[in-house]
PDB file of N, CA and C in Angstrom:
ATOM      1  N   MET A   1      -6.221  -5.254  -0.622  1.00  0.00           N
ATOM      2  CA  MET A   1      -7.098  -4.096  -0.805  1.00  0.00           C
ATOM      3  C   MET A   1      -8.477  -4.932  -1.278  1.00  0.00           C
ATOM      4  N   GLU A   2      -9.536  -4.489  -0.806  1.00  0.00           N
ATOM      5  CA  GLU A   2     -10.810  -4.858  -1.318  1.00  0.00           C
ATOM      6  C   GLU A   2     -11.596  -3.905  -2.237  1.00  0.00           C
ATOM      7  N   LYS A   3     -12.120  -4.322  -3.234  1.00  0.00           N
ATOM      8  CA  LYS A   3     -12.755  -3.498  -4.269  1.00  0.00           C
ATOM      9  C   LYS A   3     -14.279  -3.264  -3.735  1.00  0.00           C
ATOM     10  N   LEU A   4     -14.601  -1.832  -3.632  1.00  0.00           N
ATOM     11  CA  LEU A   4     -15.967  -1.526  -3.248  1.00  0.00           C
ATOM     12  C   LEU A   4     -16.971  -1.440  -4.187  1.00  0.00           C
ATOM     13  N   ALA A   5     -18.260  -1.928  -3.818  1.00  0.00           N
ATOM     14  CA  ALA A   5     -19.183  -1.900  -4.841  1.00  0.00           C
ATOM     15  C   ALA A   5     -19.662  -0.455  -5.054  1.00  0.00           C
ATOM     16  N   LYS A   6     -20.246  -0.129  -6.226  1.00  0.00           N
ATOM     17  CA  LYS A   6     -20.400   1.292  -6.523  1.00  0.00           C
ATOM     18  C   LYS A   6     -21.599   1.950  -5.359  1.00  0.00           C
ATOM     19  N   ASP A   7     -22.248   1.186  -4.931  1.00  0.00           N
ATOM     20  CA  ASP A   7     -23.185   1.806  -3.889  1.00  0.00           C
ATOM     21  C   ASP A   7     -22.462   1.930  -2.467  1.00  0.00           C
ATOM     22  N   GLY A   8     -21.274   1.421  -2.274  1.00  0.00           N
ATOM     23  CA  GLY A   8     -20.598   1.457  -1.153  1.00  0.00           C
ATOM     24  C   GLY A   8     -19.318   2.343  -1.067  1.00  0.00           C
ATOM     25  N   ARG A   9     -19.203   3.137  -2.200  1.00  0.00           N
ATOM     26  CA  ARG A   9     -17.925   3.874  -2.431  1.00  0.00           C
ATOM     27  C   ARG A   9     -17.773   5.019  -1.431  1.00  0.00           C
ATOM     28  N   ALA A  10     -18.790   5.653  -0.921  1.00  0.00           N
ATOM     29  CA  ALA A  10     -18.844   6.831  -0.175  1.00  0.00           C
ATOM     30  C   ALA A  10     -18.038   6.716   1.089  1.00  0.00           C
ATOM     31  N   MET A  11     -17.836   5.357   1.573  1.00  0.00           N
ATOM     32  CA  MET A  11     -17.329   5.166   2.857  1.00  0.00           C
ATOM     33  C   MET A  11     -16.037   5.762   3.065  1.00  0.00           C
ATOM     34  N   PRO A  12     -14.904   5.707   2.223  1.00  0.00           N
ATOM     35  CA  PRO A  12     -13.637   6.249   2.483  1.00  0.00           C
ATOM     36  C   PRO A  12     -13.400   7.824   2.285  1.00  0.00           C
ATOM     37  N   ARG A  13     -14.658   8.521   2.014  1.00  0.00           N
ATOM     38  CA  ARG A  13     -14.644   9.844   1.604  1.00  0.00           C
ATOM     39  C   ARG A  13     -13.630  10.638   2.615  1.00  0.00           C
ATOM     40  N   GLY A  14     -13.871  10.428   4.058  1.00  0.00           N
ATOM     41  CA  GLY A  14     -12.828  11.192   4.888  1.00  0.00           C
ATOM     42  C   GLY A  14     -11.461  10.866   4.822  1.00  0.00           C
ATOM     43  N   LEU A  15     -11.067   9.923   4.151  1.00  0.00           N
ATOM     44  CA  LEU A  15      -9.587   9.483   3.800  1.00  0.00           C
ATOM     45  C   LEU A  15      -9.039  10.581   3.052  1.00  0.00           C
ATOM     46  N   TYR A  16      -9.957  11.058   2.126  1.00  0.00           N
ATOM     47  CA  TYR A  16      -9.419  12.105   1.062  1.00  0.00           C
ATOM     48  C   TYR A  16      -9.541  13.459   1.381  1.00  0.00           C
ATOM     49  N   ALA A  17     -10.194  13.891   2.850  1.00  0.00           N
ATOM     50  CA  ALA A  17     -10.461  15.301   3.101  1.00  0.00           C
ATOM     51  C   ALA A  17      -8.923  15.896   2.981  1.00  0.00           C
ATOM     52  N   GLY A  18      -8.828  17.027   2.406  1.00  0.00           N
ATOM     53  CA  GLY A  18      -7.688  17.654   2.318  1.00  0.00           C
ATOM     54  C   GLY A  18      -6.774  17.420   1.307  1.00  0.00           C
ATOM     55  N   PHE A  19      -7.102  16.379   0.581  1.00  0.00           N
ATOM     56  CA  PHE A  19      -6.397  15.766  -0.551  1.00  0.00           C
ATOM     57  C   PHE A  19      -6.008  16.888  -1.592  1.00  0.00           C
ATOM     58  N   PRO A  20      -4.801  17.076  -2.173  1.00  0.00           N
ATOM     59  CA  PRO A  20      -4.481  18.182  -2.839  1.00  0.00           C
ATOM     60  C   PRO A  20      -5.197  18.075  -4.348  1.00  0.00           C
ATOM     61  N   GLY A  21      -5.853  18.992  -4.665  1.00  0.00           N
ATOM     62  CA  GLY A  21      -6.521  19.023  -5.970  1.00  0.00           C
ATOM     63  C   GLY A  21      -7.416  18.004  -6.303  1.00  0.00           C
ATOM     64  N   LEU A  22      -7.624  17.842  -7.545  1.00  0.00           N
ATOM     65  CA  LEU A  22      -8.363  16.419  -8.125  1.00  0.00           C
ATOM     66  C   LEU A  22      -9.704  16.173  -7.287  1.00  0.00           C
ATOM     67  N   HIS A  23     -10.352  17.192  -6.719  1.00  0.00           N
ATOM     68  CA  HIS A  23     -11.405  16.813  -5.902  1.00  0.00           C
ATOM     69  C   HIS A  23     -12.656  16.330  -6.950  1.00  0.00           C
ATOM     70  N   GLY A  24     -12.644  16.892  -8.239  1.00  0.00           N
ATOM     71  CA  GLY A  24     -13.730  16.322  -9.048  1.00  0.00           C
ATOM     72  C   GLY A  24     -13.734  14.879  -9.410  1.00  0.00           C
ATOM     73  N   ALA A  25     -12.383  14.500  -9.590  1.00  0.00           N
ATOM     74  CA  ALA A  25     -12.194  13.135 -10.019  1.00  0.00           C
ATOM     75  C   ALA A  25     -12.302  12.319  -8.767  1.00  0.00           C
ATOM     76  N   ILE A  26     -11.973  12.657  -7.563  1.00  0.00           N
ATOM     77  CA  ILE A  26     -12.210  11.857  -6.548  1.00  0.00           C
ATOM     78  C   ILE A  26     -13.753  11.738  -6.062  1.00  0.00           C
ATOM     79  N   ASP A  27     -14.353  13.012  -6.185  1.00  0.00           N
ATOM     80  CA  ASP A  27     -15.835  12.751  -5.980  1.00  0.00           C
ATOM     81  C   ASP A  27     -16.361  11.904  -6.949  1.00  0.00           C
ATOM     82  N   SER A  28     -16.078  12.000  -8.080  1.00  0.00           N
ATOM     83  CA  SER A  28     -16.858  11.324  -9.202  1.00  0.00           C
ATOM     84  C   SER A  28     -16.603   9.795  -9.054  1.00  0.00           C
ATOM     85  N   ALA A  29     -15.390   9.309  -8.521  1.00  0.00           N
ATOM     86  CA  ALA A  29     -14.978   7.821  -8.141  1.00  0.00           C
ATOM     87  C   ALA A  29     -15.929   7.394  -6.921  1.00  0.00           C
ATOM     88  N   LEU A  30     -15.896   8.338  -5.891  1.00  0.00           N
ATOM     89  CA  LEU A  30     -16.549   7.971  -4.694  1.00  0.00           C
ATOM     90  C   LEU A  30     -18.095   7.980  -4.906  1.00  0.00           C
ATOM     91  N   GLU A  31     -18.507   8.658  -5.825  1.00  0.00           N
ATOM     92  CA  GLU A  31     -20.111   8.607  -6.255  1.00  0.00           C
ATOM     93  C   GLU A  31     -20.329   7.463  -7.140  1.00  0.00           C
ATOM     94  N   GLY A  32     -19.499   6.795  -7.578  1.00  0.00           N
ATOM     95  CA  GLY A  32     -19.589   5.544  -8.506  1.00  0.00           C
ATOM     96  C   GLY A  32     -19.789   5.811  -9.886  1.00  0.00           C
ATOM     97  N   VAL A  33     -19.436   7.078 -10.339  1.00  0.00           N
ATOM     98  CA  VAL A  33     -19.559   7.535 -11.662  1.00  0.00           C
ATOM     99  C   VAL A  33     -18.372   7.044 -12.454  1.00  0.00           C
ATOM    100  N   LEU A  34     -17.119   7.144 -11.929  1.00  0.00           N
ATOM    101  CA  LEU A  34     -15.848   6.821 -12.583  1.00  0.00           C
ATOM    102  C   LEU A  34     -15.042   5.780 -11.812  1.00  0.00           C
ATOM    103  N   GLY A  35     -14.267   5.063 -12.598  1.00  0.00           N
ATOM    104  CA  GLY A  35     -13.308   4.142 -11.916  1.00  0.00           C
ATOM    105  C   GLY A  35     -13.667   3.204 -10.783  1.00  0.00           C
ATOM    106  N   GLU A  36     -12.726   2.799  -9.980  1.00  0.00           N
ATOM    107  CA  GLU A  36     -12.988   1.863  -8.897  1.00  0.00           C
ATOM    108  C   GLU A  36     -12.345   2.293  -7.841  1.00  0.00           C
ATOM    109  N   VAL A  37     -12.868   1.795  -6.416  1.00  0.00           N
ATOM    110  CA  VAL A  37     -12.282   2.314  -5.222  1.00  0.00           C
ATOM    111  C   VAL A  37     -12.005   0.994  -4.630  1.00  0.00           C
ATOM    112  N   PHE A  38     -10.775   1.000  -3.880  1.00  0.00           N
ATOM    113  CA  PHE A  38     -10.322  -0.052  -3.159  1.00  0.00           C
ATOM    114  C   PHE A  38     -10.031   0.291  -1.739  1.00  0.00           C
ATOM    115  N   VAL A  39     -10.310  -0.358  -0.636  1.00  0.00           N
ATOM    116  CA  VAL A  39      -9.748  -0.223   0.902  1.00  0.00           C
ATOM    117  C   VAL A  39      -9.345  -1.360   1.447  1.00  0.00           C
ATOM    118  N   ASP A  40      -8.624  -1.036   2.534  1.00  0.00           N
ATOM    119  CA  ASP A  40      -7.989  -2.190   3.249  1.00  0.00           C
ATOM    120  C   ASP A  40      -8.814  -2.949   4.138  1.00  0.00           C
ATOM    121  N   ASP A  41     -10.020  -2.105   4.528  1.00  0.00           N
ATOM    122  CA  ASP A  41     -10.928  -2.901   5.419  1.00  0.00           C
ATOM    123  C   ASP A  41     -12.288  -2.319   5.205  1.00  0.00           C
ATOM    124  N   GLN A  42     -13.330  -3.025   4.749  1.00  0.00           N
ATOM    125  CA  GLN A  42     -14.646  -2.497   4.393  1.00  0.00           C
ATOM    126  C   GLN A  42     -15.348  -1.990   5.630  1.00  0.00           C
ATOM    127  N   SER A  43     -15.160  -2.462   6.679  1.00  0.00           N
ATOM    128  CA  SER A  43     -15.887  -2.076   7.925  1.00  0.00           C
ATOM    129  C   SER A  43     -15.022  -0.821   8.559  1.00  0.00           C
ATOM    130  N   ASP A  44     -13.865  -0.734   8.431  1.00  0.00           N
ATOM    131  CA  ASP A  44     -13.078   0.573   9.014  1.00  0.00           C
ATOM    132  C   ASP A  44     -11.794   0.815   8.278  1.00  0.00           C
ATOM    133  N   PRO A  45     -12.072   1.380   7.078  1.00  0.00           N
ATOM    134  CA  PRO A  45     -10.860   1.587   6.128  1.00  0.00           C
ATOM    135  C   PRO A  45      -9.900   2.798   6.776  1.00  0.00           C
ATOM    136  N   ARG A  46      -8.698   2.282   6.643  1.00  0.00           N
ATOM    137  CA  ARG A  46      -7.324   3.206   7.112  1.00  0.00           C
ATOM    138  C   ARG A  46      -6.713   3.640   5.774  1.00  0.00           C
ATOM    139  N   VAL A  47      -6.707   2.805   4.638  1.00  0.00           N
ATOM    140  CA  VAL A  47      -6.261   3.116   3.441  1.00  0.00           C
ATOM    141  C   VAL A  47      -7.029   2.953   2.267  1.00  0.00           C
ATOM    142  N   ALA A  48      -7.160   3.798   1.387  1.00  0.00           N
ATOM    143  CA  ALA A  48      -7.887   3.722   0.158  1.00  0.00           C
ATOM    144  C   ALA A  48      -7.235   4.090  -1.192  1.00  0.00           C
ATOM    145  N   ARG A  49      -7.572   3.302  -2.177  1.00  0.00           N
ATOM    146  CA  ARG A  49      -7.055   3.653  -3.553  1.00  0.00           C
ATOM    147  C   ARG A  49      -8.050   3.884  -4.590  1.00  0.00           C
ATOM    148  N   ILE A  50      -8.061   4.865  -5.246  1.00  0.00           N
ATOM    149  CA  ILE A  50      -9.056   5.234  -6.252  1.00  0.00           C
ATOM    150  C   ILE A  50      -8.271   4.944  -7.669  1.00  0.00           C
ATOM    151  N   VAL A  51      -8.834   4.347  -8.482  1.00  0.00           N
ATOM    152  CA  VAL A  51      -8.271   3.958  -9.991  1.00  0.00           C
ATOM    153  C   VAL A  51      -9.238   4.527 -10.876  1.00  0.00           C
ATOM    154  N   ILE A  52      -8.737   5.397 -11.732  1.00  0.00           N
ATOM    155  CA  ILE A  52      -9.456   5.955 -12.846  1.00  0.00           C
ATOM    156  C   ILE A  52      -8.446   5.681 -14.140  1.00  0.00           C
ATOM    157  N   GLY A  53      -8.593   4.724 -14.942  1.00  0.00           N
ATOM    158  CA  GLY A  53      -7.818   4.414 -15.991  1.00  0.00           C
ATOM    159  C   GLY A  53      -6.288   4.019 -15.334  1.00  0.00           C
ATOM    160  N   ASP A  54      -5.283   5.039 -15.975  1.00  0.00           N
ATOM    161  CA  ASP A  54      -3.982   4.736 -15.513  1.00  0.00           C
ATOM    162  C   ASP A  54      -3.601   5.632 -14.447  1.00  0.00           C
ATOM    163  N   PHE A  55      -4.649   6.121 -13.604  1.00  0.00           N
ATOM    164  CA  PHE A  55      -4.409   7.259 -12.527  1.00  0.00           C
ATOM    165  C   PHE A  55      -4.894   6.554 -11.165  1.00  0.00           C
ATOM    166  N   HIS A  56      -4.038   6.634  -9.905  1.00  0.00           N
ATOM    167  CA  HIS A  56      -4.317   6.154  -8.888  1.00  0.00           C
ATOM    168  C   HIS A  56      -4.275   7.287  -7.974  1.00  0.00           C
ATOM    169  N   ALA A  57      -5.162   7.403  -6.934  1.00  0.00           N
ATOM    170  CA  ALA A  57      -5.166   8.465  -5.917  1.00  0.00           C
ATOM    171  C   ALA A  57      -5.046   7.509  -4.584  1.00  0.00           C
ATOM    172  N   VAL A  58      -4.117   7.482  -3.805  1.00  0.00           N
ATOM    173  CA  VAL A  58      -3.925   6.779  -2.504  1.00  0.00           C
ATOM    174  C   VAL A  58      -3.914   7.625  -1.401  1.00  0.00           C
ATOM    175  N   ALA A  59      -4.830   7.476  -0.378  1.00  0.00           N
ATOM    176  CA  ALA A  59      -4.997   8.172   0.798  1.00  0.00           C
ATOM    177  C   ALA A  59      -5.291   7.320   1.971  1.00  0.00           C
ATOM    178  N   GLY A  60      -5.235   8.059   3.120  1.00  0.00           N
ATOM    179  CA  GLY A  60      -5.379   7.579   4.531  1.00  0.00           C
ATOM    180  C   GLY A  60      -4.068   7.519   5.307  1.00  0.00           C
ATOM    181  N   ASP A  61      -3.899   6.563   6.147  1.00  0.00           N
ATOM    182  CA  ASP A  61      -2.914   6.496   7.214  1.00  0.00           C
ATOM    183  C   ASP A  61      -1.571   5.841   6.398  1.00  0.00           C
ATOM    184  N   PRO A  62      -0.608   6.530   6.090  1.00  0.00           N
ATOM    185  CA  PRO A  62       0.621   6.032   5.688  1.00  0.00           C
ATOM    186  C   PRO A  62       1.254   4.873   6.524  1.00  0.00           C
ATOM    187  N   ASP A  63       0.943   4.916   7.910  1.00  0.00           N
ATOM    188  CA  ASP A  63       1.480   3.898   8.771  1.00  0.00           C
ATOM    189  C   ASP A  63       0.804   2.667   8.820  1.00  0.00           C
ATOM    190  N   ALA A  64      -0.497   2.601   8.157  1.00  0.00           N
ATOM    191  CA  ALA A  64      -1.266   1.268   8.347  1.00  0.00           C
ATOM    192  C   ALA A  64      -0.456   0.237   7.634  1.00  0.00           C
ATOM    193  N   PRO A  65      -0.766  -0.906   8.008  1.00  0.00           N
ATOM    194  CA  PRO A  65      -0.228  -2.157   7.466  1.00  0.00           C
ATOM    195  C   PRO A  65      -0.415  -2.222   5.855  1.00  0.00           C
ATOM    196  N   ALA A  66      -1.568  -1.836   5.430  1.00  0.00           N
ATOM    197  CA  ALA A  66      -1.955  -1.931   4.100  1.00  0.00           C
ATOM    198  C   ALA A  66      -1.510  -0.685   3.047  1.00  0.00           C
ATOM    199  N   ALA A  67      -0.806   0.277   3.737  1.00  0.00           N
ATOM    200  CA  ALA A  67      -0.154   1.254   2.977  1.00  0.00           C
ATOM    201  C   ALA A  67       0.773   0.830   1.958  1.00  0.00           C
ATOM    202  N   VAL A  68       1.813   0.051   2.331  1.00  0.00           N
ATOM    203  CA  VAL A  68       2.698  -0.355   1.379  1.00  0.00           C
ATOM    204  C   VAL A  68       1.954  -1.238   0.220  1.00  0.00           C
ATOM    205  N   GLU A  69       1.115  -1.989   0.686  1.00  0.00           N
ATOM    206  CA  GLU A  69       0.401  -2.906  -0.446  1.00  0.00           C
ATOM    207  C   GLU A  69      -0.486  -2.085  -1.426  1.00  0.00           C
ATOM    208  N   ALA A  70      -0.864  -0.785  -1.042  1.00  0.00           N
ATOM    209  CA  ALA A  70      -1.758   0.074  -1.851  1.00  0.00           C
ATOM    210  C   ALA A  70      -0.746   0.632  -2.998  1.00  0.00           C
ATOM    211  N   LEU A  71       0.310   0.787  -2.430  1.00  0.00           N
ATOM    212  CA  LEU A  71       1.293   1.565  -3.481  1.00  0.00           C
ATOM    213  C   LEU A  71       1.945   0.599  -4.374  1.00  0.00           C
ATOM    214  N   ARG A  72       2.082  -0.596  -3.956  1.00  0.00           N
ATOM    215  CA  ARG A  72       2.647  -1.703  -4.692  1.00  0.00           C
ATOM    216  C   ARG A  72       1.614  -2.288  -5.715  1.00  0.00           C
ATOM    217  N   GLU A  73       0.472  -2.032  -5.561  1.00  0.00           N
ATOM    218  CA  GLU A  73      -0.545  -2.444  -6.419  1.00  0.00           C
ATOM    219  C   GLU A  73      -0.765  -1.445  -7.561  1.00  0.00           C
ATOM    220  N   VAL A  74      -0.107  -0.407  -7.793  1.00  0.00           N
ATOM    221  CA  VAL A  74      -0.032   0.590  -8.777  1.00  0.00           C
ATOM    222  C   VAL A  74       0.944   0.032  -9.842  1.00  0.00           C
ATOM    223  N   PRO A  75       0.357  -0.238 -11.023  1.00  0.00           N
ATOM    224  CA  PRO A  75       1.188  -0.912 -12.049  1.00  0.00           C
ATOM    225  C   PRO A  75       2.296   0.140 -12.697  1.00  0.00           C
ATOM    226  N   ASP A  76       3.285  -0.423 -13.053  1.00  0.00           N
ATOM    227  CA  ASP A  76       4.540   0.328 -13.556  1.00  0.00           C
ATOM    228  C   ASP A  76       3.909   1.257 -14.581  1.00  0.00           C
ATOM    229  N   ARG A  77       4.446   2.389 -14.643  1.00  0.00           N
ATOM    230  CA  ARG A  77       4.104   3.563 -15.625  1.00  0.00           C
ATOM    231  C   ARG A  77       2.746   4.255 -15.406  1.00  0.00           C
ATOM    232  N   ASP A  78       2.101   3.732 -14.513  1.00  0.00           N
ATOM    233  CA  ASP A  78       0.856   4.386 -14.102  1.00  0.00           C
ATOM    234  C   ASP A  78       1.106   5.772 -13.398  1.00  0.00           C
ATOM    235  N   TYR A  79       0.122   6.724 -13.071  1.00  0.00           N
ATOM    236  CA  TYR A  79       0.217   7.572 -12.350  1.00  0.00           C
ATOM    237  C   TYR A  79      -0.323   7.636 -10.960  1.00  0.00           C
ATOM    238  N   LEU A  80       0.252   8.373 -10.048  1.00  0.00           N
ATOM    239  CA  LEU A  80      -0.155   8.094  -8.676  1.00  0.00           C
ATOM    240  C   LEU A  80      -0.193   9.584  -8.041  1.00  0.00           C
ATOM    241  N   ALA A  81      -1.229   9.781  -7.350  1.00  0.00           N
ATOM    242  CA  ALA A  81      -1.378  11.108  -6.574  1.00  0.00           C
ATOM    243  C   ALA A  81      -1.596  10.538  -5.077  1.00  0.00           C
ATOM    244  N   VAL A  82      -0.588  11.404  -4.457  1.00  0.00           N
ATOM    245  CA  VAL A  82      -0.713  11.001  -2.835  1.00  0.00           C
ATOM    246  C   VAL A  82      -0.550  12.430  -2.047  1.00  0.00           C
ATOM    247  N   PRO A  83      -1.096  12.486  -0.860  1.00  0.00           N
ATOM    248  CA  PRO A  83      -0.877  13.671   0.003  1.00  0.00           C
ATOM    249  C   PRO A  83       0.546  13.717   0.614  1.00  0.00           C
ATOM    250  N   LYS A  84       0.944  14.868   1.019  1.00  0.00           N
ATOM    251  CA  LYS A  84       2.246  15.028   1.484  1.00  0.00           C
ATOM    252  C   LYS A  84       2.645  13.923   2.452  1.00  0.00           C
ATOM    253  N   SER A  85       1.858  13.598   3.460  1.00  0.00           N
ATOM    254  CA  SER A  85       2.116  12.706   4.328  1.00  0.00           C
ATOM    255  C   SER A  85       2.418  11.283   3.972  1.00  0.00           C
ATOM    256  N   TRP A  86       2.257  10.944   2.729  1.00  0.00           N
ATOM    257  CA  TRP A  86       2.732   9.675   1.973  1.00  0.00           C
ATOM    258  C   TRP A  86       4.046   9.799   1.487  1.00  0.00           C
ATOM    259  N   HIS A  87       4.643  10.917   1.237  1.00  0.00           N
ATOM    260  CA  HIS A  87       5.893  11.059   0.401  1.00  0.00           C
ATOM    261  C   HIS A  87       7.111  10.062   0.960  1.00  0.00           C
ATOM    262  N   ARG A  88       7.304   9.970   2.115  1.00  0.00           N
ATOM    263  CA  ARG A  88       8.374   9.379   2.570  1.00  0.00           C
ATOM    264  C   ARG A  88       8.041   7.968   2.251  1.00  0.00           C
ATOM    265  N   LEU A  89       6.920   7.437   2.602  1.00  0.00           N
ATOM    266  CA  LEU A  89       6.583   5.901   2.246  1.00  0.00           C
ATOM    267  C   LEU A  89       6.646   5.751   0.873  1.00  0.00           C
ATOM    268  N   VAL A  90       6.264   6.783  -0.169  1.00  0.00           N
ATOM    269  CA  VAL A  90       6.319   6.517  -1.554  1.00  0.00           C
ATOM    270  C   VAL A  90       7.911   6.343  -1.813  1.00  0.00           C
ATOM    271  N   ARG A  91       8.732   7.017  -1.281  1.00  0.00           N
ATOM    272  CA  ARG A  91      10.117   7.047  -1.718  1.00  0.00           C
ATOM    273  C   ARG A  91      10.635   5.801  -1.151  1.00  0.00           C
ATOM    274  N   ARG A  92      10.365   5.284  -0.028  1.00  0.00           N
ATOM    275  CA  ARG A  92      10.796   3.895   0.382  1.00  0.00           C
ATOM    276  C   ARG A  92      10.234   2.819  -0.467  1.00  0.00           C
ATOM    277  N   THR A  93       9.094   2.925  -0.969  1.00  0.00           N
ATOM    278  CA  THR A  93       8.446   1.752  -1.603  1.00  0.00           C
ATOM    279  C   THR A  93       8.775   1.795  -3.107  1.00  0.00           C
ATOM    280  N   LEU A  94       8.905   2.976  -3.740  1.00  0.00           N
ATOM    281  CA  LEU A  94       8.967   3.266  -5.116  1.00  0.00           C
ATOM    282  C   LEU A  94      10.240   4.094  -5.153  1.00  0.00           C
ATOM    283  N   PRO A  95      11.477   3.540  -4.836  1.00  0.00           N
ATOM    284  CA  PRO A  95      12.762   4.261  -4.923  1.00  0.00           C
ATOM    285  C   PRO A  95      13.034   5.247  -6.136  1.00  0.00           C
ATOM    286  N   LYS A  96      12.410   4.696  -7.067  1.00  0.00           N
ATOM    287  CA  LYS A  96      12.933   5.365  -8.510  1.00  0.00           C
ATOM    288  C   LYS A  96      11.923   6.711  -8.709  1.00  0.00           C
ATOM    289  N   ALA A  97      11.192   6.980  -7.597  1.00  0.00           N
ATOM    290  CA  ALA A  97      10.316   8.232  -7.794  1.00  0.00           C
ATOM    291  C   ALA A  97      11.134   9.423  -8.301  1.00  0.00           C
ATOM    292  N   ARG A  98      10.481  10.219  -9.173  1.00  0.00           N
ATOM    293  CA  ARG A  98      10.844  11.567  -9.449  1.00  0.00           C
ATOM    294  C   ARG A  98       9.562  12.562  -9.046  1.00  0.00           C
ATOM    295  N   SER A  99       9.990  13.775  -9.075  1.00  0.00           N
ATOM    296  CA  SER A  99       9.058  14.602  -8.656  1.00  0.00           C
ATOM    297  C   SER A  99       8.568  15.491  -9.854  1.00  0.00           C
ATOM    298  N   TYR A 100       7.207  15.853  -9.646  1.00  0.00           N
ATOM    299  CA  TYR A 100       6.775  16.954 -10.626  1.00  0.00           C
ATOM    300  C   TYR A 100       5.228  17.428 -10.115  1.00  0.00           C
ATOM    301  N   THR A 101       4.895  18.529 -10.633  1.00  0.00           N
ATOM    302  CA  THR A 101       3.655  19.096 -10.205  1.00  0.00           C
ATOM    303  C   THR A 101       3.045  19.590 -11.303  1.00  0.00           C
ATOM    304  N   VAL A 102       1.800  19.460 -11.745  1.00  0.00           N
ATOM    305  CA  VAL A 102       1.090  20.167 -12.978  1.00  0.00           C
ATOM    306  C   VAL A 102       0.321  20.997 -12.572  1.00  0.00           C
ATOM    307  N   CYS A 103       0.404  22.299 -13.309  1.00  0.00           N
ATOM    308  CA  CYS A 103      -0.360  23.315 -12.956  1.00  0.00           C
ATOM    309  C   CYS A 103      -0.927  24.114 -14.261  1.00  0.00           C
ATOM    310  N   VAL A 104      -2.152  24.357 -14.387  1.00  0.00           N
ATOM    311  CA  VAL A 104      -2.976  25.032 -15.506  1.00  0.00           C
ATOM    312  C   VAL A 104      -2.948  26.446 -15.118  1.00  0.00           C
ATOM    313  N   PRO A 105      -2.508  27.484 -15.957  1.00  0.00           N
ATOM    314  CA  PRO A 105      -2.481  28.761 -15.814  1.00  0.00           C
ATOM    315  C   PRO A 105      -3.875  29.284 -15.111  1.00  0.00           C
ATOM    316  N   GLY A 106      -3.743  29.896 -14.060  1.00  0.00           N
ATOM    317  CA  GLY A 106      -5.037  30.348 -13.412  1.00  0.00           C
ATOM    318  C   GLY A 106      -5.703  29.465 -12.418  1.00  0.00           C
ATOM    319  N   ALA A 107      -5.158  28.060 -12.361  1.00  0.00           N
ATOM    320  CA  ALA A 107      -5.729  27.231 -11.429  1.00  0.00           C
ATOM    321  C   ALA A 107      -4.764  26.812 -10.358  1.00  0.00           C
ATOM    322  N   ARG A 108      -5.245  26.202  -9.476  1.00  0.00           N
ATOM    323  CA  ARG A 108      -4.384  25.658  -8.116  1.00  0.00           C
ATOM    324  C   ARG A 108      -3.699  24.502  -8.718  1.00  0.00           C
ATOM    325  N   PRO A 109      -2.386  24.423  -8.261  1.00  0.00           N
ATOM    326  CA  PRO A 109      -1.525  23.206  -8.492  1.00  0.00           C
ATOM    327  C   PRO A 109      -2.382  22.025  -8.299  1.00  0.00           C
ATOM    328  N   MET A 110      -2.255  20.917  -8.996  1.00  0.00           N
ATOM    329  CA  MET A 110      -2.903  19.669  -8.795  1.00  0.00           C
ATOM    330  C   MET A 110      -2.118  18.797  -7.554  1.00  0.00           C
ATOM    331  N   GLY A 111      -1.079  19.328  -7.197  1.00  0.00           N
ATOM    332  CA  GLY A 111      -0.386  18.603  -6.186  1.00  0.00           C
ATOM    333  C   GLY A 111       0.587  17.446  -6.561  1.00  0.00           C
ATOM    334  N   PRO A 112       1.075  16.662  -5.667  1.00  0.00           N
ATOM    335  CA  PRO A 112       2.035  15.614  -6.071  1.00  0.00           C
ATOM    336  C   PRO A 112       1.386  14.560  -7.011  1.00  0.00           C
ATOM    337  N   ARG A 113       2.296  14.012  -7.747  1.00  0.00           N
ATOM    338  CA  ARG A 113       1.709  12.882  -8.712  1.00  0.00           C
ATOM    339  C   ARG A 113       3.115  12.081  -8.959  1.00  0.00           C
ATOM    340  N   ALA A 114       2.638  10.831  -9.084  1.00  0.00           N
ATOM    341  CA  ALA A 114       3.952   9.919  -9.400  1.00  0.00           C
ATOM    342  C   ALA A 114       3.458   8.813 -10.288  1.00  0.00           C
ATOM    343  N   SER A 115       4.497   8.297 -10.774  1.00  0.00           N
ATOM    344  CA  SER A 115       4.430   7.213 -11.785  1.00  0.00           C
ATOM    345  C   SER A 115       5.407   6.133 -11.513  1.00  0.00           C
ATOM    346  N   ARG A 116       4.854   4.882 -11.147  1.00  0.00           N
ATOM    347  CA  ARG A 116       5.813   3.883 -10.738  1.00  0.00           C
ATOM    348  C   ARG A 116       6.679   3.448 -11.739  1.00  0.00           C
ATOM    349  N   GLY A 117       7.964   2.871 -11.399  1.00  0.00           N
ATOM    350  CA  GLY A 117       8.975   2.439 -12.411  1.00  0.00           C
ATOM    351  C   GLY A 117       9.702   3.800 -12.863  1.00  0.00           C
ATOM    352  N   ASP A 118       9.073   4.657 -13.309  1.00  0.00           N
ATOM    353  CA  ASP A 118       9.607   6.006 -13.709  1.00  0.00           C
ATOM    354  C   ASP A 118       8.781   6.978 -12.903  1.00  0.00           C
ATOM    355  N   ALA A 119       8.713   6.456 -11.566  1.00  0.00           N
ATOM    356  CA  ALA A 119       7.885   6.995 -10.680  1.00  0.00           C
ATOM    357  C   ALA A 119       8.188   8.558 -10.412  1.00  0.00           C
ATOM    358  N   ARG A 120       7.244   9.375 -10.005  1.00  0.00           N
ATOM    359  CA  ARG A 120       7.364  10.766  -9.714  1.00  0.00           C
ATOM    360  C   ARG A 120       6.568  11.106  -8.508  1.00  0.00           C
ATOM    361  N   ILE A 121       7.216  11.919  -7.617  1.00  0.00           N
ATOM    362  CA  ILE A 121       6.413  12.482  -6.445  1.00  0.00           C
ATOM    363  C   ILE A 121       7.019  13.954  -6.183  1.00  0.00           C
ATOM    364  N   ALA A 122       6.246  14.594  -5.467  1.00  0.00           N
ATOM    365  CA  ALA A 122       6.806  16.158  -5.011  1.00  0.00           C
ATOM    366  C   ALA A 122       7.696  15.930  -3.949  1.00  0.00           C
ATOM    367  N   PRO A 123       8.744  16.703  -3.823  1.00  0.00           N
ATOM    368  CA  PRO A 123       9.774  16.688  -2.779  1.00  0.00           C
ATOM    369  C   PRO A 123       9.108  17.224  -1.557  1.00  0.00           C
ATOM    370  N   ASP A 124       9.704  16.778  -0.377  1.00  0.00           N
ATOM    371  CA  ASP A 124       9.339  17.320   0.853  1.00  0.00           C
ATOM    372  C   ASP A 124       9.594  18.885   0.851  1.00  0.00           C
TER     373      ASP A 124
END
């Protein structure tokens, strides 16, 4: 995975279309305000990983060759958010995954989140 410069982070925006919740954090990272953004190919990204502290949001094509690499780059005990299309791959790649969803009263659920090692993902 290649790290994008702050001025080139908007490129993988389409990979996060329909991503569950977290739009403010994702937008801030893609606008170069927060964290770091990594892609598998700067000319034609199929997989992207946003990192903000110990939080990672992975999106794109779970069948792409770099998808497993993107998940394995998440350090143990960090948090991971993935769209539902990634759940099967997360279970194969991070077999200790456990599920949970966070919801603030009156707000939409944030969607699936995971932590590696003590990993968590939402069930299918």
